[in-house]
C-alpha atoms as a PDB file:
ATOM      1  CA  MET A   1     -70.168 218.897 104.198  1.00  0.00           C
ATOM      2  CA  ASN A   2     -70.299 216.651 107.027  1.00  0.00           C
ATOM      3  CA  LYS A   3     -70.900 213.519 104.497  1.00  0.00           C
ATOM      4  CA  THR A   4     -68.103 214.908 102.295  1.00  0.00           C
ATOM      5  CA  ILE A   5     -65.240 215.038 104.841  1.00  0.00           C
ATOM      6  CA  GLY A   6     -66.516 211.543 106.684  1.00  0.00           C
ATOM      7  CA  GLY A   7     -66.154 210.161 102.654  1.00  0.00           C
ATOM      8  CA  LEU A   8     -62.453 211.701 102.465  1.00  0.00           C
ATOM      9  CA  VAL A   9     -61.236 210.370 106.017  1.00  0.00           C
ATOM     10  CA  ALA A  10     -62.442 206.613 104.969  1.00  0.00           C
ATOM     11  CA  VAL A  11     -60.552 207.087 102.040  1.00  0.00           C
ATOM     12  CA  ILE A  12     -57.598 207.766 103.446  1.00  0.00           C
ATOM     13  CA  ILE A  13     -58.090 205.324 106.306  1.00  0.00           C
ATOM     14  CA  LEU A  14     -58.050 202.384 103.331  1.00  0.00           C
ATOM     15  CA  LEU A  15     -55.228 203.922 101.539  1.00  0.00           C
ATOM     16  CA  VAL A  16     -52.932 203.970 104.884  1.00  0.00           C
ATOM     17  CA  GLY A  17     -54.344 200.238 105.300  1.00  0.00           C
ATOM     18  CA  ALA A  18     -53.423 199.128 102.131  1.00  0.00           C
ATOM     19  CA  VAL A  19     -50.052 200.583 102.409  1.00  0.00           C
ATOM     20  CA  MET A  20     -49.595 198.871 105.706  1.00  0.00           C
ATOM     21  CA  TYR A  21     -50.878 195.702 104.493  1.00  0.00           C
ATOM     22  CA  LEU A  22     -48.009 195.769 100.989  1.00  0.00           C
ATOM     23  CA  PHE A  23     -45.221 196.844 103.636  1.00  0.00           C
ATOM     24  CA  GLY A  24     -45.954 193.681 105.975  1.00  0.00           C
ATOM     25  CA  GLN A  25     -45.714 191.641 102.990  1.00  0.00           C
ATOM     26  CA  GLN A  26     -42.031 192.875 101.732  1.00  0.00           C
ATOM     27  CA  ASN A  27     -40.694 192.352 105.108  1.00  0.00           C
ATOM     28  CA  ALA A  28     -42.339 188.873 105.435  1.00  0.00           C
ATOM     29  CA  ALA A  29     -40.481 187.619 101.954  1.00  0.00           C
ATOM     30  CA  PRO A  30     -37.548 185.308 102.681  1.00  0.00           C
ATOM     31  CA  PRO A  31     -33.842 186.828 101.738  1.00  0.00           C
ATOM     32  CA  ARG A  32     -32.781 185.462  98.565  1.00  0.00           C
ATOM     33  CA  GLU A  33     -30.007 183.081  98.534  1.00  0.00           C
ATOM     34  CA  PRO A  34     -26.972 183.911  96.722  1.00  0.00           C
ATOM     35  CA  PRO A  35     -26.330 181.812  93.472  1.00  0.00           C
ATOM     36  CA  ALA A  36     -24.566 178.692  94.103  1.00  0.00           C
ATOM     37  CA  ALA A  37     -20.870 178.145  92.512  1.00  0.00           C
ATOM     38  CA  THR A  38     -20.354 176.348  89.547  1.00  0.00           C
ATOM     39  CA  GLY A  39     -16.649 175.793  89.903  1.00  0.00           C
ATOM     40  CA  VAL A  40     -15.816 177.769  87.181  1.00  0.00           C
ATOM     41  CA  SER A  41     -13.848 181.207  87.484  1.00  0.00           C
ATOM     42  CA  ALA A  42     -14.641 184.267  85.164  1.00  0.00           C
ATOM     43  CA  LYS A  43     -10.896 184.775  85.398  1.00  0.00           C
ATOM     44  CA  LYS A  44      -8.466 182.489  82.963  1.00  0.00           C
ATOM     45  CA  GLY A  45      -5.904 182.519  85.442  1.00  0.00           C
ATOM     46  CA  ASP A  46      -8.297 181.204  88.482  1.00  0.00           C
ATOM     47  CA  LEU A  47      -8.088 177.543  87.255  1.00  0.00           C
ATOM     48  CA  GLU A  48      -4.683 175.629  87.645  1.00  0.00           C
ATOM     49  CA  PRO A  49      -4.107 172.713  85.500  1.00  0.00           C
ATOM     50  CA  ALA A  50      -3.389 169.407  86.482  1.00  0.00           C
ATOM     51  CA  PRO A  51       0.189 168.581  87.680  1.00  0.00           C
ATOM     52  CA  ALA A  52       1.924 166.838  84.864  1.00  0.00           C
ATOM     53  CA  LYS A  53       3.377 163.093  85.524  1.00  0.00           C
ATOM     54  CA  VAL A  54       6.925 162.915  86.340  1.00  0.00           C
ATOM     55  CA  PRO A  55       8.466 159.813  85.032  1.00  0.00           C
ATOM     56  CA  ALA A  56      10.419 157.597  87.501  1.00  0.00           C
ATOM     57  CA  SER A  57      14.318 158.337  87.840  1.00  0.00           C
ATOM     58  CA  LEU A  58      16.251 156.182  85.741  1.00  0.00           C
ATOM     59  CA  ARG A  59      19.485 157.174  87.333  1.00  0.00           C
ATOM     60  CA  ARG A  60      21.616 154.710  89.036  1.00  0.00           C
ATOM     61  CA  PRO A  61      24.877 155.791  91.279  1.00  0.00           C
ATOM     62  CA  VAL A  62      28.078 154.165  90.221  1.00  0.00           C
ATOM     63  CA  ARG A  63      29.056 151.758  92.915  1.00  0.00           C
ATOM     64  CA  VAL A  64      32.631 150.839  94.260  1.00  0.00           C
ATOM     65  CA  GLY A  65      33.659 147.850  96.212  1.00  0.00           C
ATOM     66  CA  THR A  66      31.827 145.637  94.631  1.00  0.00           C
ATOM     67  CA  GLY A  67      35.080 142.846  93.961  1.00  0.00           C
ATOM     68  CA  GLY A  68      35.300 142.194  97.292  1.00  0.00           C
ATOM     69  CA  PRO A  69      36.441 143.906 101.104  1.00  0.00           C
ATOM     70  CA  HIS A  70      39.847 143.398 100.234  1.00  0.00           C
ATOM     71  CA  ALA A  71      39.723 144.660  96.709  1.00  0.00           C
ATOM     72  CA  ASP A  72      40.659 148.140  95.215  1.00  0.00           C
ATOM     73  CA  ALA A  73      37.642 150.763  95.037  1.00  0.00           C
ATOM     74  CA  CYS A  74      37.067 149.988  91.535  1.00  0.00           C
ATOM     75  CA  ARG A  75      38.183 146.783  89.552  1.00  0.00           C
ATOM     76  CA  GLY A  76      40.594 148.196  86.873  1.00  0.00           C
ATOM     77  CA  ILE A  77      41.012 150.278  83.849  1.00  0.00           C
ATOM     78  CA  GLY A  78      39.347 150.258  80.759  1.00  0.00           C
ATOM     79  CA  SER A  79      39.579 152.236  77.399  1.00  0.00           C
ATOM     80  CA  VAL A  80      36.755 153.726  74.960  1.00  0.00           C
ATOM     81  CA  ALA A  81      37.439 151.407  71.451  1.00  0.00           C
ATOM     82  CA  ASN A  82      35.116 150.043  68.532  1.00  0.00           C
ATOM     83  CA  LEU A  83      33.167 153.406  67.881  1.00  0.00           C
ATOM     84  CA  PRO A  84      31.094 153.192  65.086  1.00  0.00           C
ATOM     85  CA  GLY A  85      32.556 156.341  63.432  1.00  0.00           C
ATOM     86  CA  GLY A  86      30.809 159.003  61.644  1.00  0.00           C
ATOM     87  CA  ALA A  87      28.426 161.386  63.315  1.00  0.00           C
ATOM     88  CA  ASP A  88      27.882 159.175  66.470  1.00  0.00           C
ATOM     89  CA  ASP A  89      31.951 158.073  66.760  1.00  0.00           C
ATOM     90  CA  PHE A  90      31.645 158.966  70.559  1.00  0.00           C
ATOM     91  CA  LEU A  91      30.433 156.733  73.594  1.00  0.00           C
ATOM     92  CA  ALA A  92      27.303 158.246  75.230  1.00  0.00           C
ATOM     93  CA  VAL A  93      27.923 158.351  78.851  1.00  0.00           C
ATOM     94  CA  ARG A  94      24.363 158.236  80.993  1.00  0.00           C
ATOM     95  CA  GLU A  95      22.717 158.103  84.405  1.00  0.00           C
ATOM     96  CA  GLY A  96      21.874 154.719  84.558  1.00  0.00           C
ATOM     97  CA  PRO A  97      22.133 151.589  82.800  1.00  0.00           C
ATOM     98  CA  THR A  98      19.669 152.203  79.905  1.00  0.00           C
ATOM     99  CA  VAL A  99      19.760 153.648  76.848  1.00  0.00           C
ATOM    100  CA  LYS A 100      16.343 155.729  77.998  1.00  0.00           C
ATOM    101  CA  ALA A 101      18.823 157.449  81.020  1.00  0.00           C
ATOM    102  CA  GLN A 102      19.079 160.759  80.270  1.00  0.00           C
ATOM    103  CA  ARG A 103      22.911 161.213  78.590  1.00  0.00           C
ATOM    104  CA  ILE A 104      25.210 163.333  80.644  1.00  0.00           C
ATOM    105  CA  ASP A 105      28.817 163.360  79.184  1.00  0.00           C
ATOM    106  CA  LYS A 106      30.707 162.053  75.359  1.00  0.00           C
ATOM    107  CA  LEU A 107      34.015 160.052  75.575  1.00  0.00           C
ATOM    108  CA  LYS A 108      36.438 159.720  72.684  1.00  0.00           C
ATOM    109  CA  ASP A 109      37.887 156.835  71.366  1.00  0.00           C
ATOM    110  CA  ASP A 110      40.630 155.646  73.554  1.00  0.00           C
ATOM    111  CA  ALA A 111      39.547 157.471  76.708  1.00  0.00           C
ATOM    112  CA  PRO A 112      40.634 156.069  79.685  1.00  0.00           C
ATOM    113  CA  VAL A 113      38.305 154.914  82.709  1.00  0.00           C
ATOM    114  CA  TYR A 114      37.875 153.106  85.918  1.00  0.00           C
ATOM    115  CA  ILE A 115      35.820 149.960  85.719  1.00  0.00           C
ATOM    116  CA  CYS A 116      33.897 150.231  88.766  1.00  0.00           C
ATOM    117  CA  ASP A 117      30.156 148.581  88.416  1.00  0.00           C
ATOM    118  CA  GLN A 118      28.003 146.757  86.132  1.00  0.00           C
ATOM    119  CA  ASN A 119      24.107 145.966  85.558  1.00  0.00           C
ATOM    120  CA  ASP A 120      22.970 142.514  85.923  1.00  0.00           C
ATOM    121  CA  SER A 121      23.904 141.088  82.819  1.00  0.00           C
ATOM    122  CA  GLY A 122      27.002 142.920  82.050  1.00  0.00           C
ATOM    123  CA  SER A 123      25.750 145.281  79.337  1.00  0.00           C
ATOM    124  CA  TRP A 124      26.394 147.796  81.310  1.00  0.00           C
ATOM    125  CA  ILE A 125      29.375 149.396  83.102  1.00  0.00           C
ATOM    126  CA  GLY A 126      29.630 151.889  85.819  1.00  0.00           C
ATOM    127  CA  ILE A 127      32.339 154.144  85.490  1.00  0.00           C
ATOM    128  CA  VAL A 128      34.893 156.857  87.062  1.00  0.00           C
ATOM    129  CA  TYR A 129      36.425 158.897  84.920  1.00  0.00           C
ATOM    130  CA  GLN A 130      38.289 162.518  84.436  1.00  0.00           C
ATOM    131  CA  ALA A 131      36.667 165.368  81.888  1.00  0.00           C
ATOM    132  CA  ASN A 132      39.913 165.971  80.610  1.00  0.00           C
ATOM    133  CA  GLY A 133      40.306 162.837  78.871  1.00  0.00           C
ATOM    134  CA  TYR A 134      43.026 161.489  80.981  1.00  0.00           C
ATOM    135  CA  LEU A 135      43.252 159.376  84.569  1.00  0.00           C
ATOM    136  CA  PRO A 136      45.448 160.935  87.175  1.00  0.00           C
ATOM    137  CA  ALA A 137      48.631 159.262  87.756  1.00  0.00           C
ATOM    138  CA  ASP A 138      48.697 159.880  92.229  1.00  0.00           C
ATOM    139  CA  ASP A 139      44.725 158.208  92.538  1.00  0.00           C
ATOM    140  CA  LYS A 140      43.161 161.490  92.932  1.00  0.00           C
ATOM    141  CA  CYS A 141      39.664 159.990  92.220  1.00  0.00           C
ATOM    142  CA  ARG A 142      40.375 157.508  94.756  1.00  0.00           C
ATOM    143  CA  ALA A 143      39.142 154.260  92.488  1.00  0.00           C
ATOM    144  CA  GLU A 144      42.250 152.328  93.821  1.00  0.00           C
ATOM    145  CA  GLU A 145      41.871 152.374  97.679  1.00  0.00           C
ATOM    146  CA  ASN A 146      39.861 150.143  99.662  1.00  0.00           C
ATOM    147  CA  VAL A 147      36.633 150.533 100.823  1.00  0.00           C
ATOM    148  CA  GLY A 148      35.739 147.434 102.307  1.00  0.00           C
ATOM    149  CA  SER A 149      32.355 147.272 101.627  1.00  0.00           C
ATOM    150  CA  VAL A 150      30.010 148.017  98.640  1.00  0.00           C
ATOM    151  CA  ARG A 151      28.725 151.679  98.237  1.00  0.00           C
ATOM    152  CA  PRO A 152      28.169 154.667  95.693  1.00  0.00           C
ATOM    153  CA  TYR A 153      31.391 156.485  94.811  1.00  0.00           C
ATOM    154  CA  GLU A 154      31.647 159.371  96.775  1.00  0.00           C
ATOM    155  CA  GLY A 155      35.158 160.694  95.235  1.00  0.00           C
ATOM    156  CA  PRO A 156      35.686 163.786  93.537  1.00  0.00           C
ATOM    157  CA  CYS A 157      35.752 162.437  89.881  1.00  0.00           C
ATOM    158  CA  LEU A 158      32.895 162.114  87.190  1.00  0.00           C
ATOM    159  CA  THR A 159      30.954 158.846  87.397  1.00  0.00           C
ATOM    160  CA  GLY A 160      28.025 157.132  84.907  1.00  0.00           C
ATOM    161  CA  TRP A 161      27.234 154.216  83.006  1.00  0.00           C
ATOM    162  CA  VAL A 162      28.569 153.647  79.502  1.00  0.00           C
ATOM    163  CA  SER A 163      27.499 150.423  76.740  1.00  0.00           C
ATOM    164  CA  ALA A 164      30.135 147.401  77.502  1.00  0.00           C
ATOM    165  CA  LYS A 165      30.644 146.802  73.988  1.00  0.00           C
ATOM    166  CA  TYR A 166      32.372 150.127  73.509  1.00  0.00           C
ATOM    167  CA  LEU A 167      34.446 149.482  76.531  1.00  0.00           C
ATOM    168  CA  VAL A 168      37.633 147.110  76.551  1.00  0.00           C
ATOM    169  CA  PRO A 169      40.160 146.665  79.468  1.00  0.00           C
ATOM    170  CA  ARG A 170      43.474 147.955  79.516  1.00  0.00           C
ATOM    171  CA  GLY A 171      46.020 146.105  77.605  1.00  0.00           C
ATOM    172  CA  GLN A 172      43.630 145.308  74.856  1.00  0.00           C
ATOM    173  CA  ASP A 173      42.906 147.789  72.024  1.00  0.00           C
ATOM    174  CA  SER A 174      40.759 147.336  69.212  1.00  0.00           C
ATOM    175  CA  ASP A 175      43.819 148.784  66.737  1.00  0.00           C
ATOM    176  CA  GLU A 176      46.522 147.289  67.863  1.00  0.00           C
ATOM    177  CA  SER A 177      48.341 143.853  67.333  1.00  0.00           C
ATOM    178  CA  HIS A 178      48.421 141.395  69.882  1.00  0.00           C
ATOM    179  CA  GLY A 179      51.140 139.466  68.101  1.00  0.00           C
ATOM    180  CA  PRO A 180      54.533 138.169  70.141  1.00  0.00           C
ATOM    181  CA  GLU A 181      57.141 140.380  70.379  1.00  0.00           C
ATOM    182  CA  PRO A 182      60.556 138.728  69.182  1.00  0.00           C
ATOM    183  CA  ALA A 183      62.182 137.236  72.403  1.00  0.00           C
ATOM    184  CA  ALA A 184      65.230 138.684  73.913  1.00  0.00           C
ATOM    185  CA  ALA A 185      67.573 138.200  76.551  1.00  0.00           C
ATOM    186  CA  SER A 186      66.272 141.017  79.147  1.00  0.00           C
ATOM    187  CA  ARG A 187      62.644 139.718  78.918  1.00  0.00           C
ATOM    188  CA  PHE A 188      60.559 137.192  80.788  1.00  0.00           C
ATOM    189  CA  LEU A 189      57.628 135.669  80.116  1.00  0.00           C
ATOM    190  CA  PHE A 190      54.635 134.596  82.725  1.00  0.00           C
ATOM    191  CA  ASP A 191      50.926 133.004  82.537  1.00  0.00           C
ATOM    192  CA  ALA A 192      48.378 134.900  83.780  1.00  0.00           C
ATOM    193  CA  GLU A 193      45.119 134.566  84.298  1.00  0.00           C
ATOM    194  CA  GLY A 194      41.987 136.217  85.663  1.00  0.00           C
ATOM    195  CA  PHE A 195      38.327 134.847  86.739  1.00  0.00           C
ATOM    196  CA  GLY A 196      35.370 136.916  87.137  1.00  0.00           C
ATOM    197  CA  ASP A 197      30.870 136.558  86.779  1.00  0.00           C
ATOM    198  CA  THR A 198      31.437 137.600  82.733  1.00  0.00           C
ATOM    199  CA  GLU A 199      33.837 137.492  80.445  1.00  0.00           C
ATOM    200  CA  PHE A 200      34.402 141.290  80.537  1.00  0.00           C
ATOM    201  CA  VAL A 201      35.229 141.106  84.334  1.00  0.00           C
ATOM    202  CA  ALA A 202      37.517 138.294  83.533  1.00  0.00           C
ATOM    203  CA  ALA A 203      39.544 139.879  80.990  1.00  0.00           C
ATOM    204  CA  ASN A 204      39.766 143.320  83.365  1.00  0.00           C
ATOM    205  CA  TYR A 205      40.944 141.488  86.437  1.00  0.00           C
ATOM    206  CA  LEU A 206      43.556 139.194  83.951  1.00  0.00           C
ATOM    207  CA  TYR A 207      45.199 142.462  83.093  1.00  0.00           C
ATOM    208  CA  LEU A 208      44.824 143.781  86.470  1.00  0.00           C
ATOM    209  CA  ARG A 209      46.973 140.747  87.946  1.00  0.00           C
ATOM    210  CA  GLY A 210      49.447 140.528  85.182  1.00  0.00           C
ATOM    211  CA  ASP A 211      50.270 144.164  85.308  1.00  0.00           C
ATOM    212  CA  ARG A 212      50.458 144.089  89.220  1.00  0.00           C
ATOM    213  CA  ARG A 213      52.703 141.030  88.856  1.00  0.00           C
ATOM    214  CA  ALA A 214      55.052 143.038  86.101  1.00  0.00           C
ATOM    215  CA  GLU A 215      55.255 145.756  88.389  1.00  0.00           C
ATOM    216  CA  ALA A 216      56.170 143.443  92.268  1.00  0.00           C
ATOM    217  CA  GLU A 217      58.786 141.896  90.003  1.00  0.00           C
ATOM    218  CA  GLY A 218      60.270 144.941  88.893  1.00  0.00           C
ATOM    219  CA  GLY A 219      59.784 145.052  85.394  1.00  0.00           C
ATOM    220  CA  LYS A 220      58.052 146.404  82.244  1.00  0.00           C
ATOM    221  CA  VAL A 221      55.259 145.178  80.540  1.00  0.00           C
ATOM    222  CA  VAL A 222      56.188 144.676  76.438  1.00  0.00           C
ATOM    223  CA  ASP A 223      53.030 142.663  75.656  1.00  0.00           C
ATOM    224  CA  ARG A 224      49.971 141.328  77.165  1.00  0.00           C
ATOM    225  CA  GLY A 225      49.725 138.444  74.655  1.00  0.00           C
ATOM    226  CA  MET A 226      46.347 136.974  73.094  1.00  0.00           C
ATOM    227  CA  ARG A 227      43.774 136.508  75.331  1.00  0.00           C
ATOM    228  CA  SER A 228      41.283 133.938  75.483  1.00  0.00           C
ATOM    229  CA  CYS A 229      38.254 133.406  77.524  1.00  0.00           C
ATOM    230  CA  ARG A 230      35.938 130.412  78.318  1.00  0.00           C
ATOM    231  CA  THR A 231      33.280 129.594  80.790  1.00  0.00           C
ATOM    232  CA  THR A 232      34.456 127.286  83.418  1.00  0.00           C
ATOM    233  CA  GLY A 233      30.795 125.420  84.398  1.00  0.00           C
ATOM    234  CA  GLU A 234      30.591 127.417  87.816  1.00  0.00           C
ATOM    235  CA  SER A 235      28.342 130.280  88.575  1.00  0.00           C
ATOM    236  CA  GLY A 236      29.268 133.810  90.728  1.00  0.00           C
ATOM    237  CA  LYS A 237      32.453 134.857  90.436  1.00  0.00           C
ATOM    238  CA  ARG A 238      34.192 132.075  88.826  1.00  0.00           C
ATOM    239  CA  ALA A 239      32.084 131.415  86.067  1.00  0.00           C
ATOM    240  CA  TRP A 240      34.611 132.756  83.450  1.00  0.00           C
ATOM    241  CA  VAL A 241      38.132 132.324  83.107  1.00  0.00           C
ATOM    242  CA  CYS A 242      40.410 134.490  80.811  1.00  0.00           C
ATOM    243  CA  ARG A 243      44.240 133.478  80.522  1.00  0.00           C
ATOM    244  CA  THR A 244      47.309 135.030  78.294  1.00  0.00           C
ATOM    245  CA  ILE A 245      51.031 135.101  78.748  1.00  0.00           C
ATOM    246  CA  TYR A 246      52.622 138.259  79.645  1.00  0.00           C
ATOM    247  CA  THR A 247      56.099 139.154  78.106  1.00  0.00           C
ATOM    248  CA  TYR A 248      58.391 141.782  80.323  1.00  0.00           C
ATOM    249  CA  GLU A 249      61.493 143.202  80.614  1.00  0.00           C
ATOM    250  CA  LYS A 250      63.803 144.571  83.262  1.00  0.00           C
END
């Protein structure tokens, strides 16, 4: 009997020892680390696409005062001409002096504009204009005031860039005849000339000076003659000269 009890006690002691050993091993094991992040989320919305490249802006403000400190804000007035016709019978107005710049408006044939700026080659003209296709008689656009220095236009009218080949100075129209008017007793003639760094600028200055002289003498312009332009061999603002004969009447 005593041997049986002793055997049971020994078995119990062995079992308890085994349990304690296993328990100690479990507590001694290092804790498991969470899996390393892979950088890929399970949700589709967590991945943001790389930002798209935004091209550099081709916009360029139209400047005034480019004619010098004593000149008007804009050089004169021009009108749309020589349009190709058909579906493209309009002149595109763009944000900058290049066909890659965004188109912001369209101008019809004969639409008048203020000529205020140009790019280095003279192939693009910076203009000031009104959306209704007319220019105000009271200089509402502030294009004829003296600004004293070159600066971006800040007046109330619209601005943009157009191709110079579809713009002619005031006094010249692709559809009008420039033949001489018959002489009359009330009519007067005078020679007019204008200079500029490009032919376009010289022609525009020619008509600007001629119109002002006729107005100062109290006359009404009848004909601006047949303009002729040539290079002078000089550089800068006197590189080109344009001449014509004005006819006005009182």
